[in-house]
C-alpha atoms as a PDB file:
ATOM      1  CA  MET A   1       0.000   0.000   0.000  1.00  0.00           C
ATOM      2  CA  LYS A   2       2.901   2.340   0.802  1.00  0.00           C
ATOM      3  CA  ILE A   3       4.464   1.588  -2.589  1.00  0.00           C
ATOM      4  CA  LYS A   4       1.240   2.543  -4.338  1.00  0.00           C
ATOM      5  CA  THR A   5       1.008   5.761  -2.320  1.00  0.00           C
ATOM      6  CA  ARG A   6       4.608   6.720  -3.197  1.00  0.00           C
ATOM      7  CA  ALA A   7       3.973   5.965  -6.852  1.00  0.00           C
ATOM      8  CA  ALA A   8       0.851   8.117  -6.796  1.00  0.00           C
ATOM      9  CA  ASN A   9       2.737  10.967  -5.083  1.00  0.00           C
ATOM     10  CA  THR A  10       5.566  10.744  -7.611  1.00  0.00           C
ATOM     11  CA  PHE A  11       3.106  10.734 -10.508  1.00  0.00           C
ATOM     12  CA  GLY A  12       1.291  13.711  -8.988  1.00  0.00           C
ATOM     13  CA  SER A  13       4.556  15.638  -8.657  1.00  0.00           C
ATOM     14  CA  MET A  14       5.363  14.888 -12.280  1.00  0.00           C
ATOM     15  CA  LEU A  15       1.956  16.222 -13.351  1.00  0.00           C
ATOM     16  CA  LEU A  16       2.475  19.405 -11.319  1.00  0.00           C
ATOM     17  CA  GLY A  17       5.902  19.906 -12.920  1.00  0.00           C
ATOM     18  CA  LEU A  18       4.460  19.301 -16.382  1.00  0.00           C
ATOM     19  CA  GLY A  19       1.661  21.750 -15.664  1.00  0.00           C
ATOM     20  CA  ALA A  20       4.161  24.431 -14.654  1.00  0.00           C
ATOM     21  CA  MET A  21       6.156  23.857 -17.845  1.00  0.00           C
ATOM     22  CA  LEU A  22       3.020  24.053 -19.980  1.00  0.00           C
ATOM     23  CA  SER A  23       2.027  27.260 -18.195  1.00  0.00           C
ATOM     24  CA  VAL A  24       5.358  28.902 -19.089  1.00  0.00           C
ATOM     25  CA  THR A  25       5.127  27.598 -22.657  1.00  0.00           C
ATOM     26  CA  SER A  26       1.593  28.921 -23.126  1.00  0.00           C
ATOM     27  CA  THR A  27       2.607  32.289 -21.673  1.00  0.00           C
ATOM     28  CA  MET A  28       5.388  32.617 -24.238  1.00  0.00           C
ATOM     29  CA  ALA A  29       3.543  30.878 -27.099  1.00  0.00           C
ATOM     30  CA  ALA A  30       2.215  34.046 -28.741  1.00  0.00           C
ATOM     31  CA  VAL A  31       5.392  36.096 -28.245  1.00  0.00           C
ATOM     32  CA  THR A  32       6.961  36.949 -31.615  1.00  0.00           C
ATOM     33  CA  LYS A  33      10.740  36.839 -31.919  1.00  0.00           C
ATOM     34  CA  THR A  34      12.003  39.222 -34.585  1.00  0.00           C
ATOM     35  CA  GLU A  35      14.723  41.798 -35.182  1.00  0.00           C
ATOM     36  CA  LEU A  36      13.858  45.233 -33.833  1.00  0.00           C
ATOM     37  CA  ALA A  37      17.088  47.148 -33.067  1.00  0.00           C
ATOM     38  CA  GLY A  38      19.205  48.875 -35.677  1.00  0.00           C
ATOM     39  CA  ASN A  39      19.685  52.064 -37.693  1.00  0.00           C
ATOM     40  CA  SER A  40      17.389  54.027 -39.973  1.00  0.00           C
ATOM     41  CA  ILE A  41      18.733  54.693 -43.493  1.00  0.00           C
ATOM     42  CA  GLY A  42      17.647  57.179 -46.147  1.00  0.00           C
ATOM     43  CA  VAL A  43      16.998  54.667 -48.923  1.00  0.00           C
ATOM     44  CA  TYR A  44      15.077  51.418 -49.275  1.00  0.00           C
ATOM     45  CA  PRO A  45      14.573  49.337 -47.137  1.00  0.00           C
ATOM     46  CA  HIS A  46      14.810  52.425 -44.842  1.00  0.00           C
ATOM     47  CA  PHE A  47      16.065  50.464 -41.834  1.00  0.00           C
ATOM     48  CA  GLU A  48      18.895  48.028 -41.211  1.00  0.00           C
ATOM     49  CA  TYR A  49      18.724  45.542 -38.373  1.00  0.00           C
ATOM     50  CA  VAL A  50      22.105  45.036 -36.722  1.00  0.00           C
ATOM     51  CA  LYS A  51      23.631  43.160 -33.785  1.00  0.00           C
ATOM     52  CA  ALA A  52      26.365  45.677 -32.919  1.00  0.00           C
ATOM     53  CA  ILE A  53      25.689  49.366 -32.286  1.00  0.00           C
ATOM     54  CA  ASN A  54      28.630  51.612 -31.479  1.00  0.00           C
ATOM     55  CA  ALA A  55      28.495  53.426 -28.148  1.00  0.00           C
ATOM     56  CA  ASN A  56      28.586  56.832 -29.884  1.00  0.00           C
ATOM     57  CA  ASN A  57      25.565  56.063 -32.120  1.00  0.00           C
ATOM     58  CA  VAL A  58      21.883  56.305 -31.311  1.00  0.00           C
ATOM     59  CA  VAL A  59      19.828  53.128 -30.829  1.00  0.00           C
ATOM     60  CA  GLU A  60      16.665  52.868 -32.899  1.00  0.00           C
ATOM     61  CA  VAL A  61      13.846  50.343 -32.977  1.00  0.00           C
ATOM     62  CA  ALA A  62      11.628  49.625 -35.976  1.00  0.00           C
ATOM     63  CA  ILE A  63       8.946  47.169 -37.040  1.00  0.00           C
ATOM     64  CA  ASP A  64       7.551  46.790 -40.561  1.00  0.00           C
ATOM     65  CA  PRO A  65       3.715  46.722 -40.631  1.00  0.00           C
ATOM     66  CA  THR A  66       3.785  44.933 -43.986  1.00  0.00           C
ATOM     67  CA  ARG A  67       5.493  41.998 -42.274  1.00  0.00           C
ATOM     68  CA  PHE A  68       3.549  42.289 -39.020  1.00  0.00           C
ATOM     69  CA  PRO A  69       0.132  43.777 -39.884  1.00  0.00           C
ATOM     70  CA  ALA A  70      -1.163  43.052 -36.368  1.00  0.00           C
ATOM     71  CA  ILE A  71       1.053  45.852 -35.034  1.00  0.00           C
ATOM     72  CA  ALA A  72      -0.978  48.524 -36.866  1.00  0.00           C
ATOM     73  CA  GLY A  73      -3.040  50.626 -34.486  1.00  0.00           C
ATOM     74  CA  GLN A  74      -1.470  49.132 -31.361  1.00  0.00           C
ATOM     75  CA  THR A  75      -0.008  51.247 -28.574  1.00  0.00           C
ATOM     76  CA  CYS A  76       2.948  49.420 -27.052  1.00  0.00           C
ATOM     77  CA  ASP A  77       5.555  50.120 -24.406  1.00  0.00           C
ATOM     78  CA  ILE A  78       9.088  49.805 -25.788  1.00  0.00           C
ATOM     79  CA  TYR A  79      11.563  48.315 -23.317  1.00  0.00           C
ATOM     80  CA  VAL A  80      15.339  48.023 -23.632  1.00  0.00           C
ATOM     81  CA  VAL A  81      16.346  45.469 -21.019  1.00  0.00           C
ATOM     82  CA  ALA A  82      19.506  43.688 -19.929  1.00  0.00           C
ATOM     83  CA  ALA A  83      19.847  40.629 -22.167  1.00  0.00           C
ATOM     84  CA  LYS A  84      18.645  37.317 -20.788  1.00  0.00           C
ATOM     85  CA  LYS A  85      18.938  33.812 -22.187  1.00  0.00           C
ATOM     86  CA  THR A  86      15.832  31.788 -23.046  1.00  0.00           C
ATOM     87  CA  ALA A  87      15.823  29.893 -19.733  1.00  0.00           C
ATOM     88  CA  GLN A  88      16.161  33.165 -17.808  1.00  0.00           C
ATOM     89  CA  TRP A  89      13.224  34.699 -19.665  1.00  0.00           C
ATOM     90  CA  ASN A  90      11.152  31.593 -18.969  1.00  0.00           C
ATOM     91  CA  ALA A  91      11.990  31.859 -15.275  1.00  0.00           C
ATOM     92  CA  ASP A  92      11.382  35.621 -15.023  1.00  0.00           C
ATOM     93  CA  ASN A  93       9.516  37.523 -17.755  1.00  0.00           C
ATOM     94  CA  THR A  94       9.481  40.842 -15.890  1.00  0.00           C
ATOM     95  CA  LEU A  95      10.448  43.871 -17.998  1.00  0.00           C
ATOM     96  CA  ILE A  96      12.871  46.358 -16.440  1.00  0.00           C
ATOM     97  CA  ASP A  97      13.974  49.142 -18.780  1.00  0.00           C
ATOM     98  CA  VAL A  98      17.621  50.231 -18.495  1.00  0.00           C
ATOM     99  CA  THR A  99      17.559  53.417 -20.598  1.00  0.00           C
ATOM    100  CA  PRO A 100      17.918  56.760 -18.761  1.00  0.00           C
ATOM    101  CA  GLY A 101      14.394  57.819 -19.735  1.00  0.00           C
ATOM    102  CA  GLY A 102      12.772  54.479 -18.970  1.00  0.00           C
ATOM    103  CA  MET A 103      10.396  52.612 -21.238  1.00  0.00           C
ATOM    104  CA  GLN A 104       8.615  54.691 -23.863  1.00  0.00           C
ATOM    105  CA  THR A 105       5.089  54.353 -25.181  1.00  0.00           C
ATOM    106  CA  GLU A 106       4.453  54.578 -28.923  1.00  0.00           C
ATOM    107  CA  THR A 107       1.509  53.986 -31.232  1.00  0.00           C
ATOM    108  CA  PHE A 108       2.291  52.015 -34.371  1.00  0.00           C
ATOM    109  CA  SER A 109       0.720  52.733 -37.736  1.00  0.00           C
ATOM    110  CA  ALA A 110      -0.113  50.712 -40.840  1.00  0.00           C
ATOM    111  CA  ALA A 111       1.743  53.157 -43.110  1.00  0.00           C
ATOM    112  CA  ASP A 112       5.352  51.980 -43.418  1.00  0.00           C
ATOM    113  CA  ILE A 113       8.498  51.123 -41.469  1.00  0.00           C
ATOM    114  CA  GLN A 114       9.587  54.766 -41.422  1.00  0.00           C
ATOM    115  CA  SER A 115       6.483  55.662 -39.418  1.00  0.00           C
ATOM    116  CA  ASN A 116       7.267  52.839 -37.013  1.00  0.00           C
ATOM    117  CA  THR A 117      10.881  53.786 -36.295  1.00  0.00           C
ATOM    118  CA  PHE A 118      11.720  55.248 -32.881  1.00  0.00           C
ATOM    119  CA  GLN A 119      14.914  56.269 -31.103  1.00  0.00           C
ATOM    120  CA  VAL A 120      15.201  54.527 -27.743  1.00  0.00           C
ATOM    121  CA  ALA A 121      18.690  55.613 -26.649  1.00  0.00           C
ATOM    122  CA  ALA A 122      20.913  58.558 -27.505  1.00  0.00           C
ATOM    123  CA  ALA A 123      24.603  58.414 -28.325  1.00  0.00           C
ATOM    124  CA  ASN A 124      26.736  57.360 -25.344  1.00  0.00           C
ATOM    125  CA  GLN A 125      23.689  56.127 -23.449  1.00  0.00           C
ATOM    126  CA  LEU A 126      23.578  52.461 -22.389  1.00  0.00           C
ATOM    127  CA  SER A 127      26.776  50.967 -21.048  1.00  0.00           C
ATOM    128  CA  ALA A 128      29.229  49.355 -23.456  1.00  0.00           C
ATOM    129  CA  ASN A 129      31.629  48.460 -20.644  1.00  0.00           C
ATOM    130  CA  ALA A 130      32.084  44.720 -21.005  1.00  0.00           C
ATOM    131  CA  GLY A 131      35.493  44.553 -19.334  1.00  0.00           C
ATOM    132  CA  LEU A 132      37.695  42.511 -21.655  1.00  0.00           C
ATOM    133  CA  GLY A 133      34.682  41.772 -23.865  1.00  0.00           C
ATOM    134  CA  LEU A 134      33.690  43.815 -26.897  1.00  0.00           C
ATOM    135  CA  GLY A 135      30.161  44.844 -25.958  1.00  0.00           C
ATOM    136  CA  VAL A 136      27.203  44.595 -23.576  1.00  0.00           C
ATOM    137  CA  GLY A 137      24.083  42.700 -24.624  1.00  0.00           C
ATOM    138  CA  TYR A 138      20.535  44.086 -24.542  1.00  0.00           C
ATOM    139  CA  ASP A 139      17.104  42.770 -25.561  1.00  0.00           C
ATOM    140  CA  VAL A 140      14.302  44.912 -26.996  1.00  0.00           C
ATOM    141  CA  VAL A 141      10.645  44.213 -26.199  1.00  0.00           C
ATOM    142  CA  LEU A 142       7.434  45.708 -27.571  1.00  0.00           C
ATOM    143  CA  ASP A 143       5.032  45.198 -24.667  1.00  0.00           C
ATOM    144  CA  CYS A 144       1.750  45.475 -26.555  1.00  0.00           C
ATOM    145  CA  ASN A 145      -0.553  44.546 -23.683  1.00  0.00           C
ATOM    146  CA  GLN A 146       1.343  47.039 -21.502  1.00  0.00           C
ATOM    147  CA  ASP A 147       1.493  44.804 -18.436  1.00  0.00           C
ATOM    148  CA  GLY A 148       5.258  45.023 -17.841  1.00  0.00           C
ATOM    149  CA  LEU A 149       5.765  41.353 -18.723  1.00  0.00           C
ATOM    150  CA  LEU A 150       6.998  39.479 -21.785  1.00  0.00           C
ATOM    151  CA  ASN A 151       3.850  37.565 -22.717  1.00  0.00           C
ATOM    152  CA  GLY A 152       0.695  37.688 -24.810  1.00  0.00           C
ATOM    153  CA  ASP A 153       1.198  39.214 -28.250  1.00  0.00           C
ATOM    154  CA  ASP A 154       4.463  40.972 -27.398  1.00  0.00           C
ATOM    155  CA  TYR A 155       7.499  41.185 -29.705  1.00  0.00           C
ATOM    156  CA  ILE A 156      11.120  40.602 -28.678  1.00  0.00           C
ATOM    157  CA  ASP A 157      14.506  41.048 -30.274  1.00  0.00           C
ATOM    158  CA  GLY A 158      16.521  38.516 -28.237  1.00  0.00           C
ATOM    159  CA  ARG A 159      15.485  35.592 -25.975  1.00  0.00           C
ATOM    160  CA  ASN A 160      17.268  33.133 -28.256  1.00  0.00           C
ATOM    161  CA  ASN A 161      20.433  32.647 -26.155  1.00  0.00           C
ATOM    162  CA  GLU A 162      21.769  35.625 -28.112  1.00  0.00           C
ATOM    163  CA  SER A 163      21.251  39.285 -27.285  1.00  0.00           C
ATOM    164  CA  GLY A 164      18.964  41.440 -29.375  1.00  0.00           C
ATOM    165  CA  PHE A 165      21.883  43.823 -29.884  1.00  0.00           C
ATOM    166  CA  TYR A 166      25.241  44.652 -28.344  1.00  0.00           C
ATOM    167  CA  ARG A 167      26.391  48.119 -27.294  1.00  0.00           C
ATOM    168  CA  VAL A 168      29.976  48.099 -28.543  1.00  0.00           C
ATOM    169  CA  HIS A 169      32.753  50.319 -27.244  1.00  0.00           C
ATOM    170  CA  ASP A 170      35.152  52.268 -29.483  1.00  0.00           C
ATOM    171  CA  THR A 171      37.689  49.697 -30.680  1.00  0.00           C
ATOM    172  CA  THR A 172      40.174  52.443 -31.579  1.00  0.00           C
ATOM    173  CA  ALA A 173      40.333  53.597 -27.941  1.00  0.00           C
ATOM    174  CA  ALA A 174      42.695  52.139 -25.382  1.00  0.00           C
ATOM    175  CA  GLY A 175      41.396  49.008 -23.665  1.00  0.00           C
ATOM    176  CA  PRO A 176      41.543  48.119 -19.961  1.00  0.00           C
ATOM    177  CA  GLU A 177      44.822  46.158 -20.189  1.00  0.00           C
ATOM    178  CA  VAL A 178      48.253  47.725 -19.637  1.00  0.00           C
ATOM    179  CA  VAL A 179      50.399  47.850 -22.793  1.00  0.00           C
ATOM    180  CA  THR A 180      53.932  46.462 -22.399  1.00  0.00           C
ATOM    181  CA  GLU A 181      56.759  47.357 -24.780  1.00  0.00           C
ATOM    182  CA  LEU A 182      59.757  45.099 -25.320  1.00  0.00           C
ATOM    183  CA  THR A 183      62.775  45.973 -27.451  1.00  0.00           C
ATOM    184  CA  TYR A 184      65.490  43.421 -28.163  1.00  0.00           C
ATOM    185  CA  ASN A 185      68.309  42.785 -30.631  1.00  0.00           C
ATOM    186  CA  ILE A 186      69.128  39.248 -31.806  1.00  0.00           C
ATOM    187  CA  GLY A 187      72.586  40.326 -33.038  1.00  0.00           C
ATOM    188  CA  PRO A 188      74.219  40.125 -36.478  1.00  0.00           C
ATOM    189  CA  ALA A 189      75.258  36.458 -36.276  1.00  0.00           C
ATOM    190  CA  ALA A 190      71.827  35.174 -35.294  1.00  0.00           C
ATOM    191  CA  ALA A 191      70.184  37.450 -37.859  1.00  0.00           C
ATOM    192  CA  ALA A 192      72.447  36.151 -40.603  1.00  0.00           C
ATOM    193  CA  ALA A 193      71.746  32.545 -39.585  1.00  0.00           C
ATOM    194  CA  ALA A 194      68.019  33.257 -39.766  1.00  0.00           C
ATOM    195  CA  GLY A 195      68.322  34.941 -43.159  1.00  0.00           C
ATOM    196  CA  ILE A 196      67.487  38.388 -41.787  1.00  0.00           C
ATOM    197  CA  PRO A 197      69.177  41.207 -43.711  1.00  0.00           C
ATOM    198  CA  GLY A 198      71.668  43.402 -41.894  1.00  0.00           C
ATOM    199  CA  GLY A 199      70.152  46.406 -40.169  1.00  0.00           C
ATOM    200  CA  TYR A 200      66.985  44.509 -39.196  1.00  0.00           C
ATOM    201  CA  GLU A 201      68.352  42.816 -36.084  1.00  0.00           C
ATOM    202  CA  PRO A 202      66.425  44.943 -33.514  1.00  0.00           C
ATOM    203  CA  GLN A 203      62.730  44.323 -32.942  1.00  0.00           C
ATOM    204  CA  ASN A 204      60.188  46.351 -30.999  1.00  0.00           C
ATOM    205  CA  LEU A 205      57.207  44.428 -29.581  1.00  0.00           C
ATOM    206  CA  PHE A 206      54.010  45.716 -27.967  1.00  0.00           C
ATOM    207  CA  PHE A 207      51.635  43.394 -26.138  1.00  0.00           C
END
């Protein structure tokens, strides 16, 4: 009798776990993953979706109503959030905007992508300080039911174990590591043995 009870308890726990998983899946089922972040351009297609945005450039978000007609007429809150992997989004779908001005509310039209392009961060806003890395990852969410959660008929650029975009620091600027200079001279005999012409024995290294 005890064995049957344990089996029933185990089966019940499995059903509860499955129910929780299905609840998360159904919550995210209608969420549309698409590119949103990038740069507006003056010629067709009028917007380019990119993964890397330099720290000294503005960050823009756009959605094409010809591709997503359901967006027309909707008023959505635009969030730029710290990037999270798929499992992290499934565990916590709360939206916390990281831009200085906070999330912004926009109404989308059926006209064209130009009418649905909005700046969400100015130049030198949003941290690009990734230490020894090249950039900091962010996700973009259109919260179209305006409940502060990623769910329902929302749109997201990210949530695919890859950030929606990366704020990239200036690669021509000095990095965080100290630069060491080493100058040495292998000498005429060693240079000749190595086939190095005379006058090229010294070498200056930076690392």
